[in-house]
PDB file of all heavy atoms in Angstrom:
ATOM      1  N   VAL A   1      41.949 147.458 131.709  1.00  0.00           N
ATOM      2  CA  VAL A   1      41.974 146.057 132.116  1.00  0.00           C
ATOM      3  C   VAL A   1      40.465 145.617 132.126  1.00  0.00           C
ATOM      4  O   VAL A   1      39.608 146.280 132.733  1.00  0.00           O
ATOM      5  CB  VAL A   1      42.539 146.016 133.557  1.00  0.00           C
ATOM      6  CG1 VAL A   1      42.448 144.488 134.079  1.00  0.00           C
ATOM      7  CG2 VAL A   1      43.984 146.477 133.586  1.00  0.00           C
ATOM      8  N   ILE A   2      40.234 144.537 131.457  1.00  0.00           N
ATOM      9  CA  ILE A   2      38.885 144.010 131.384  1.00  0.00           C
ATOM     10  C   ILE A   2      38.811 142.678 132.091  1.00  0.00           C
ATOM     11  O   ILE A   2      39.829 141.922 132.275  1.00  0.00           O
ATOM     12  CB  ILE A   2      38.311 143.834 129.950  1.00  0.00           C
ATOM     13  CG1 ILE A   2      39.159 142.786 129.160  1.00  0.00           C
ATOM     14  CG2 ILE A   2      38.406 145.212 129.191  1.00  0.00           C
ATOM     15  CD1 ILE A   2      38.579 142.537 127.782  1.00  0.00           C
ATOM     16  N   GLY A   3      37.656 142.333 132.606  1.00  0.00           N
ATOM     17  CA  GLY A   3      37.436 141.064 133.401  1.00  0.00           C
ATOM     18  C   GLY A   3      37.761 139.884 132.521  1.00  0.00           C
ATOM     19  O   GLY A   3      37.466 139.845 131.302  1.00  0.00           O
ATOM     20  N   LEU A   4      38.268 138.816 133.084  1.00  0.00           N
ATOM     21  CA  LEU A   4      38.606 137.582 132.322  1.00  0.00           C
ATOM     22  C   LEU A   4      37.429 137.033 131.619  1.00  0.00           C
ATOM     23  O   LEU A   4      37.624 136.543 130.483  1.00  0.00           O
ATOM     24  CB  LEU A   4      39.211 136.570 133.302  1.00  0.00           C
ATOM     25  CG  LEU A   4      40.608 136.899 133.930  1.00  0.00           C
ATOM     26  CD1 LEU A   4      41.041 135.797 134.826  1.00  0.00           C
ATOM     27  CD2 LEU A   4      41.646 137.148 132.794  1.00  0.00           C
ATOM     28  N   SER A   5      36.320 136.973 132.235  1.00  0.00           N
ATOM     29  CA  SER A   5      35.120 136.418 131.506  1.00  0.00           C
ATOM     30  C   SER A   5      34.715 137.224 130.348  1.00  0.00           C
ATOM     31  O   SER A   5      34.091 136.596 129.398  1.00  0.00           O
ATOM     32  CB  SER A   5      33.930 136.372 132.501  1.00  0.00           C
ATOM     33  OG  SER A   5      33.498 137.687 132.881  1.00  0.00           O
ATOM     34  N   LYS A   6      35.151 138.497 130.242  1.00  0.00           N
ATOM     35  CA  LYS A   6      34.766 139.292 129.105  1.00  0.00           C
ATOM     36  C   LYS A   6      35.518 138.793 127.850  1.00  0.00           C
ATOM     37  O   LYS A   6      35.003 139.021 126.724  1.00  0.00           O
ATOM     38  CB  LYS A   6      35.048 140.750 129.410  1.00  0.00           C
ATOM     39  CG  LYS A   6      34.271 141.293 130.597  1.00  0.00           C
ATOM     40  CD  LYS A   6      32.749 141.099 130.491  1.00  0.00           C
ATOM     41  CE  LYS A   6      31.962 141.634 131.647  1.00  0.00           C
ATOM     42  NZ  LYS A   6      32.214 140.953 132.887  1.00  0.00           N
ATOM     43  N   TYR A   7      36.704 138.297 127.997  1.00  0.00           N
ATOM     44  CA  TYR A   7      37.409 137.709 126.868  1.00  0.00           C
ATOM     45  C   TYR A   7      36.617 136.598 126.224  1.00  0.00           C
ATOM     46  O   TYR A   7      36.462 136.493 125.011  1.00  0.00           O
ATOM     47  CB  TYR A   7      38.791 137.286 127.217  1.00  0.00           C
ATOM     48  CG  TYR A   7      39.752 138.425 127.541  1.00  0.00           C
ATOM     49  CD1 TYR A   7      40.039 138.759 128.801  1.00  0.00           C
ATOM     50  CD2 TYR A   7      40.457 139.073 126.486  1.00  0.00           C
ATOM     51  CE1 TYR A   7      40.996 139.801 129.122  1.00  0.00           C
ATOM     52  CE2 TYR A   7      41.310 140.141 126.724  1.00  0.00           C
ATOM     53  CZ  TYR A   7      41.539 140.479 128.054  1.00  0.00           C
ATOM     54  OH  TYR A   7      42.406 141.494 128.356  1.00  0.00           O
ATOM     55  N   ALA A   8      36.024 135.703 127.112  1.00  0.00           N
ATOM     56  CA  ALA A   8      35.248 134.618 126.594  1.00  0.00           C
ATOM     57  C   ALA A   8      33.970 135.094 125.900  1.00  0.00           C
ATOM     58  O   ALA A   8      33.587 134.610 124.896  1.00  0.00           O
ATOM     59  CB  ALA A   8      34.866 133.728 127.806  1.00  0.00           C
ATOM     60  N   ARG A   9      33.445 136.211 126.430  1.00  0.00           N
ATOM     61  CA  ARG A   9      32.208 136.715 125.797  1.00  0.00           C
ATOM     62  C   ARG A   9      32.538 137.334 124.442  1.00  0.00           C
ATOM     63  O   ARG A   9      31.716 137.270 123.500  1.00  0.00           O
ATOM     64  CB  ARG A   9      31.568 137.764 126.743  1.00  0.00           C
ATOM     65  CG  ARG A   9      31.018 137.195 128.022  1.00  0.00           C
ATOM     66  CD  ARG A   9      30.332 138.234 128.855  1.00  0.00           C
ATOM     67  NE  ARG A   9      29.895 137.671 130.181  1.00  0.00           N
ATOM     68  CZ  ARG A   9      28.889 136.966 130.388  1.00  0.00           C
ATOM     69  NH1 ARG A   9      28.045 136.649 129.376  1.00  0.00           N
ATOM     70  NH2 ARG A   9      28.621 136.524 131.631  1.00  0.00           N
ATOM     71  N   LEU A  10      33.645 138.031 124.280  1.00  0.00           N
ATOM     72  CA  LEU A  10      34.008 138.635 123.018  1.00  0.00           C
ATOM     73  C   LEU A  10      34.361 137.559 122.044  1.00  0.00           C
ATOM     74  O   LEU A  10      34.011 137.642 120.870  1.00  0.00           O
ATOM     75  CB  LEU A  10      35.239 139.510 123.248  1.00  0.00           C
ATOM     76  CG  LEU A  10      34.991 140.799 124.030  1.00  0.00           C
ATOM     77  CD1 LEU A  10      36.326 141.576 124.204  1.00  0.00           C
ATOM     78  CD2 LEU A  10      33.954 141.696 123.398  1.00  0.00           C
ATOM     79  N   VAL A  11      35.048 136.518 122.498  1.00  0.00           N
ATOM     80  CA  VAL A  11      35.238 135.318 121.584  1.00  0.00           C
ATOM     81  C   VAL A  11      33.953 134.750 121.057  1.00  0.00           C
ATOM     82  O   VAL A  11      33.793 134.500 119.899  1.00  0.00           O
ATOM     83  CB  VAL A  11      36.153 134.247 122.275  1.00  0.00           C
ATOM     84  CG1 VAL A  11      36.176 133.027 121.462  1.00  0.00           C
ATOM     85  CG2 VAL A  11      37.569 134.745 122.501  1.00  0.00           C
ATOM     86  N   ASP A  12      33.061 134.513 121.963  1.00  0.00           N
ATOM     87  CA  ASP A  12      31.734 133.932 121.620  1.00  0.00           C
ATOM     88  C   ASP A  12      31.029 134.826 120.640  1.00  0.00           C
ATOM     89  O   ASP A  12      30.340 134.319 119.742  1.00  0.00           O
ATOM     90  CB  ASP A  12      30.917 133.726 122.891  1.00  0.00           C
ATOM     91  CG  ASP A  12      29.635 132.938 122.620  1.00  0.00           C
ATOM     92  OD1 ASP A  12      29.771 131.793 122.160  1.00  0.00           O
ATOM     93  OD2 ASP A  12      28.546 133.449 122.902  1.00  0.00           O
ATOM     94  N   TRP A  13      31.083 136.164 120.834  1.00  0.00           N
ATOM     95  CA  TRP A  13      30.342 137.141 120.005  1.00  0.00           C
ATOM     96  C   TRP A  13      30.993 137.140 118.575  1.00  0.00           C
ATOM     97  O   TRP A  13      30.258 137.166 117.556  1.00  0.00           O
ATOM     98  CB  TRP A  13      30.429 138.482 120.620  1.00  0.00           C
ATOM     99  CG  TRP A  13      29.582 139.530 119.967  1.00  0.00           C
ATOM    100  CD1 TRP A  13      28.225 139.559 119.827  1.00  0.00           C
ATOM    101  CD2 TRP A  13      30.040 140.756 119.337  1.00  0.00           C
ATOM    102  NE1 TRP A  13      27.829 140.706 119.116  1.00  0.00           N
ATOM    103  CE2 TRP A  13      28.941 141.403 118.833  1.00  0.00           C
ATOM    104  CE3 TRP A  13      31.312 141.277 119.111  1.00  0.00           C
ATOM    105  CZ2 TRP A  13      29.042 142.671 118.217  1.00  0.00           C
ATOM    106  CZ3 TRP A  13      31.438 142.544 118.497  1.00  0.00           C
ATOM    107  CH2 TRP A  13      30.285 143.223 118.028  1.00  0.00           C
ATOM    108  N   ILE A  14      32.238 137.130 118.452  1.00  0.00           N
ATOM    109  CA  ILE A  14      32.952 137.221 117.146  1.00  0.00           C
ATOM    110  C   ILE A  14      32.724 135.853 116.389  1.00  0.00           C
ATOM    111  O   ILE A  14      32.532 135.784 115.275  1.00  0.00           O
ATOM    112  CB  ILE A  14      34.460 137.496 117.300  1.00  0.00           C
ATOM    113  CG1 ILE A  14      34.606 139.008 117.709  1.00  0.00           C
ATOM    114  CG2 ILE A  14      35.198 137.215 115.997  1.00  0.00           C
ATOM    115  CD1 ILE A  14      34.211 140.024 116.617  1.00  0.00           C
ATOM    116  N   MET A  15      32.941 134.761 117.157  1.00  0.00           N
ATOM    117  CA  MET A  15      32.834 133.446 116.539  1.00  0.00           C
ATOM    118  C   MET A  15      31.429 132.990 116.239  1.00  0.00           C
ATOM    119  O   MET A  15      31.230 132.014 115.483  1.00  0.00           O
ATOM    120  CB  MET A  15      33.534 132.367 117.445  1.00  0.00           C
ATOM    121  CG  MET A  15      35.019 132.650 117.609  1.00  0.00           C
ATOM    122  SD  MET A  15      35.941 132.724 116.069  1.00  0.00           S
ATOM    123  CE  MET A  15      37.441 133.543 116.529  1.00  0.00           C
ATOM    124  N   GLY A  16      30.436 133.600 116.840  1.00  0.00           N
ATOM    125  CA  GLY A  16      29.053 133.237 116.608  1.00  0.00           C
ATOM    126  C   GLY A  16      28.506 133.823 115.332  1.00  0.00           C
ATOM    127  O   GLY A  16      27.446 134.450 115.285  1.00  0.00           O
ATOM    128  N   ARG A  17      29.236 133.568 114.225  1.00  0.00           N
ATOM    129  CA  ARG A  17      28.911 134.051 112.839  1.00  0.00           C
ATOM    130  C   ARG A  17      29.507 133.092 111.915  1.00  0.00           C
ATOM    131  O   ARG A  17      30.486 132.397 112.222  1.00  0.00           O
ATOM    132  CB  ARG A  17      29.446 135.428 112.594  1.00  0.00           C
ATOM    133  CG  ARG A  17      29.199 136.457 113.683  1.00  0.00           C
ATOM    134  CD  ARG A  17      30.001 137.738 113.409  1.00  0.00           C
ATOM    135  NE  ARG A  17      29.970 138.571 114.693  1.00  0.00           N
ATOM    136  CZ  ARG A  17      30.513 139.720 114.791  1.00  0.00           C
ATOM    137  NH1 ARG A  17      31.222 140.228 113.811  1.00  0.00           N
ATOM    138  NH2 ARG A  17      30.437 140.395 115.953  1.00  0.00           N
ATOM    139  N   PRO A  18      28.958 132.976 110.718  1.00  0.00           N
ATOM    140  CA  PRO A  18      29.640 132.226 109.651  1.00  0.00           C
ATOM    141  C   PRO A  18      31.034 132.863 109.467  1.00  0.00           C
ATOM    142  O   PRO A  18      31.136 134.048 109.112  1.00  0.00           O
ATOM    143  CB  PRO A  18      28.786 132.303 108.412  1.00  0.00           C
ATOM    144  CG  PRO A  18      27.451 132.683 108.970  1.00  0.00           C
ATOM    145  CD  PRO A  18      27.716 133.513 110.170  1.00  0.00           C
ATOM    146  N   GLN A  19      32.059 132.119 109.561  1.00  0.00           N
ATOM    147  CA  GLN A  19      33.451 132.708 109.534  1.00  0.00           C
ATOM    148  C   GLN A  19      34.414 131.828 108.711  1.00  0.00           C
ATOM    149  O   GLN A  19      34.140 130.666 108.411  1.00  0.00           O
ATOM    150  CB  GLN A  19      33.985 132.710 111.034  1.00  0.00           C
ATOM    151  CG  GLN A  19      33.423 133.742 111.893  1.00  0.00           C
ATOM    152  CD  GLN A  19      34.074 135.161 111.713  1.00  0.00           C
ATOM    153  OE1 GLN A  19      34.718 135.287 110.708  1.00  0.00           O
ATOM    154  NE2 GLN A  19      33.815 135.984 112.601  1.00  0.00           N
ATOM    155  N   ILE A  20      35.476 132.426 108.313  1.00  0.00           N
ATOM    156  CA  ILE A  20      36.658 131.652 108.014  1.00  0.00           C
ATOM    157  C   ILE A  20      37.652 132.003 109.046  1.00  0.00           C
ATOM    158  O   ILE A  20      37.753 133.175 109.522  1.00  0.00           O
ATOM    159  CB  ILE A  20      37.173 131.873 106.563  1.00  0.00           C
ATOM    160  CG1 ILE A  20      37.678 133.385 106.359  1.00  0.00           C
ATOM    161  CG2 ILE A  20      36.107 131.567 105.505  1.00  0.00           C
ATOM    162  CD1 ILE A  20      38.391 133.533 105.037  1.00  0.00           C
ATOM    163  N   GLN A  21      38.466 131.020 109.442  1.00  0.00           N
ATOM    164  CA  GLN A  21      39.326 131.199 110.555  1.00  0.00           C
ATOM    165  C   GLN A  21      40.345 132.335 110.454  1.00  0.00           C
ATOM    166  O   GLN A  21      40.607 133.101 111.428  1.00  0.00           O
ATOM    167  CB  GLN A  21      40.064 129.875 110.861  1.00  0.00           C
ATOM    168  CG  GLN A  21      40.928 129.856 112.128  1.00  0.00           C
ATOM    169  CD  GLN A  21      41.418 128.515 112.509  1.00  0.00           C
ATOM    170  OE1 GLN A  21      40.797 127.498 112.175  1.00  0.00           O
ATOM    171  NE2 GLN A  21      42.548 128.455 113.197  1.00  0.00           N
ATOM    172  N   GLU A  22      40.866 132.507 109.292  1.00  0.00           N
ATOM    173  CA  GLU A  22      41.839 133.568 109.048  1.00  0.00           C
ATOM    174  C   GLU A  22      41.276 134.969 109.374  1.00  0.00           C
ATOM    175  O   GLU A  22      41.959 135.838 109.868  1.00  0.00           O
ATOM    176  CB  GLU A  22      42.350 133.537 107.639  1.00  0.00           C
ATOM    177  CG  GLU A  22      42.899 132.201 107.150  1.00  0.00           C
ATOM    178  CD  GLU A  22      41.922 131.303 106.520  1.00  0.00           C
ATOM    179  OE1 GLU A  22      40.805 131.158 107.043  1.00  0.00           O
ATOM    180  OE2 GLU A  22      42.228 130.795 105.457  1.00  0.00           O
ATOM    181  N   GLU A  23      40.045 135.168 108.998  1.00  0.00           N
ATOM    182  CA  GLU A  23      39.434 136.473 109.208  1.00  0.00           C
ATOM    183  C   GLU A  23      38.954 136.659 110.666  1.00  0.00           C
ATOM    184  O   GLU A  23      38.922 137.696 111.246  1.00  0.00           O
ATOM    185  CB  GLU A  23      38.265 136.681 108.262  1.00  0.00           C
ATOM    186  CG  GLU A  23      38.671 136.820 106.781  1.00  0.00           C
ATOM    187  CD  GLU A  23      37.524 136.985 105.833  1.00  0.00           C
ATOM    188  OE1 GLU A  23      36.341 136.970 106.309  1.00  0.00           O
ATOM    189  OE2 GLU A  23      37.720 137.156 104.662  1.00  0.00           O
ATOM    190  N   ALA A  24      38.480 135.460 111.224  1.00  0.00           N
ATOM    191  CA  ALA A  24      37.956 135.503 112.599  1.00  0.00           C
ATOM    192  C   ALA A  24      38.964 136.050 113.597  1.00  0.00           C
ATOM    193  O   ALA A  24      38.613 136.830 114.477  1.00  0.00           O
ATOM    194  CB  ALA A  24      37.405 134.148 112.940  1.00  0.00           C
ATOM    195  N   VAL A  25      40.222 135.512 113.537  1.00  0.00           N
ATOM    196  CA  VAL A  25      41.223 135.962 114.472  1.00  0.00           C
ATOM    197  C   VAL A  25      41.575 137.417 114.349  1.00  0.00           C
ATOM    198  O   VAL A  25      41.872 138.116 115.324  1.00  0.00           O
ATOM    199  CB  VAL A  25      42.465 135.014 114.432  1.00  0.00           C
ATOM    200  CG1 VAL A  25      42.163 133.641 114.914  1.00  0.00           C
ATOM    201  CG2 VAL A  25      43.099 134.998 113.038  1.00  0.00           C
ATOM    202  N   VAL A  26      41.563 137.887 113.109  1.00  0.00           N
ATOM    203  CA  VAL A  26      41.805 139.301 112.873  1.00  0.00           C
ATOM    204  C   VAL A  26      40.739 140.179 113.456  1.00  0.00           C
ATOM    205  O   VAL A  26      40.931 141.232 114.113  1.00  0.00           O
ATOM    206  CB  VAL A  26      41.985 139.600 111.333  1.00  0.00           C
ATOM    207  CG1 VAL A  26      42.096 141.125 111.036  1.00  0.00           C
ATOM    208  CG2 VAL A  26      43.224 138.923 110.799  1.00  0.00           C
ATOM    209  N   GLN A  27      39.403 139.783 113.243  1.00  0.00           N
ATOM    210  CA  GLN A  27      38.321 140.534 113.836  1.00  0.00           C
ATOM    211  C   GLN A  27      38.442 140.594 115.350  1.00  0.00           C
ATOM    212  O   GLN A  27      38.187 141.628 116.021  1.00  0.00           O
ATOM    213  CB  GLN A  27      36.999 139.850 113.437  1.00  0.00           C
ATOM    214  CG  GLN A  27      36.476 140.214 112.097  1.00  0.00           C
ATOM    215  CD  GLN A  27      35.026 139.767 111.950  1.00  0.00           C
ATOM    216  OE1 GLN A  27      34.668 138.650 112.334  1.00  0.00           O
ATOM    217  NE2 GLN A  27      34.167 140.568 111.326  1.00  0.00           N
ATOM    218  N   LEU A  28      38.771 139.411 115.948  1.00  0.00           N
ATOM    219  CA  LEU A  28      38.905 139.350 117.418  1.00  0.00           C
ATOM    220  C   LEU A  28      40.067 140.280 117.880  1.00  0.00           C
ATOM    221  O   LEU A  28      39.878 140.989 118.877  1.00  0.00           O
ATOM    222  CB  LEU A  28      39.142 137.955 117.837  1.00  0.00           C
ATOM    223  CG  LEU A  28      39.261 137.672 119.311  1.00  0.00           C
ATOM    224  CD1 LEU A  28      38.002 138.117 120.035  1.00  0.00           C
ATOM    225  CD2 LEU A  28      39.571 136.236 119.637  1.00  0.00           C
ATOM    226  N   ALA A  29      41.185 140.212 117.170  1.00  0.00           N
ATOM    227  CA  ALA A  29      42.298 141.036 117.599  1.00  0.00           C
ATOM    228  C   ALA A  29      41.948 142.538 117.449  1.00  0.00           C
ATOM    229  O   ALA A  29      42.281 143.315 118.358  1.00  0.00           O
ATOM    230  CB  ALA A  29      43.488 140.703 116.678  1.00  0.00           C
ATOM    231  N   ASP A  30      41.243 142.927 116.402  1.00  0.00           N
ATOM    232  CA  ASP A  30      40.890 144.337 116.249  1.00  0.00           C
ATOM    233  C   ASP A  30      40.039 144.747 117.390  1.00  0.00           C
ATOM    234  O   ASP A  30      40.197 145.896 117.958  1.00  0.00           O
ATOM    235  CB  ASP A  30      40.182 144.492 114.960  1.00  0.00           C
ATOM    236  CG  ASP A  30      41.097 144.392 113.744  1.00  0.00           C
ATOM    237  OD1 ASP A  30      42.303 144.524 113.944  1.00  0.00           O
ATOM    238  OD2 ASP A  30      40.529 144.207 112.578  1.00  0.00           O
ATOM    239  N   LEU A  31      39.060 143.916 117.817  1.00  0.00           N
ATOM    240  CA  LEU A  31      38.139 144.260 118.843  1.00  0.00           C
ATOM    241  C   LEU A  31      38.797 144.365 120.193  1.00  0.00           C
ATOM    242  O   LEU A  31      38.545 145.345 120.983  1.00  0.00           O
ATOM    243  CB  LEU A  31      36.994 143.150 118.911  1.00  0.00           C
ATOM    244  CG  LEU A  31      35.916 143.389 119.912  1.00  0.00           C
ATOM    245  CD1 LEU A  31      35.134 144.638 119.611  1.00  0.00           C
ATOM    246  CD2 LEU A  31      34.996 142.187 119.978  1.00  0.00           C
ATOM    247  N   ILE A  32      39.747 143.490 120.557  1.00  0.00           N
ATOM    248  CA  ILE A  32      40.390 143.509 121.796  1.00  0.00           C
ATOM    249  C   ILE A  32      41.330 144.749 121.807  1.00  0.00           C
ATOM    250  O   ILE A  32      41.486 145.472 122.841  1.00  0.00           O
ATOM    251  CB  ILE A  32      41.212 142.230 122.022  1.00  0.00           C
ATOM    252  CG1 ILE A  32      40.151 141.058 122.190  1.00  0.00           C
ATOM    253  CG2 ILE A  32      42.047 142.345 123.348  1.00  0.00           C
ATOM    254  CD1 ILE A  32      40.874 139.770 122.315  1.00  0.00           C
TER     255      ILE A  32
END
């Protein structure tokens, strides 16, 4: 179980890159 704020930090870390949306959500899912 991770703190709620940590989800926001992980989203910010993954999305803080040049991305295409289809790959971004996969990267985020893999990380979580």
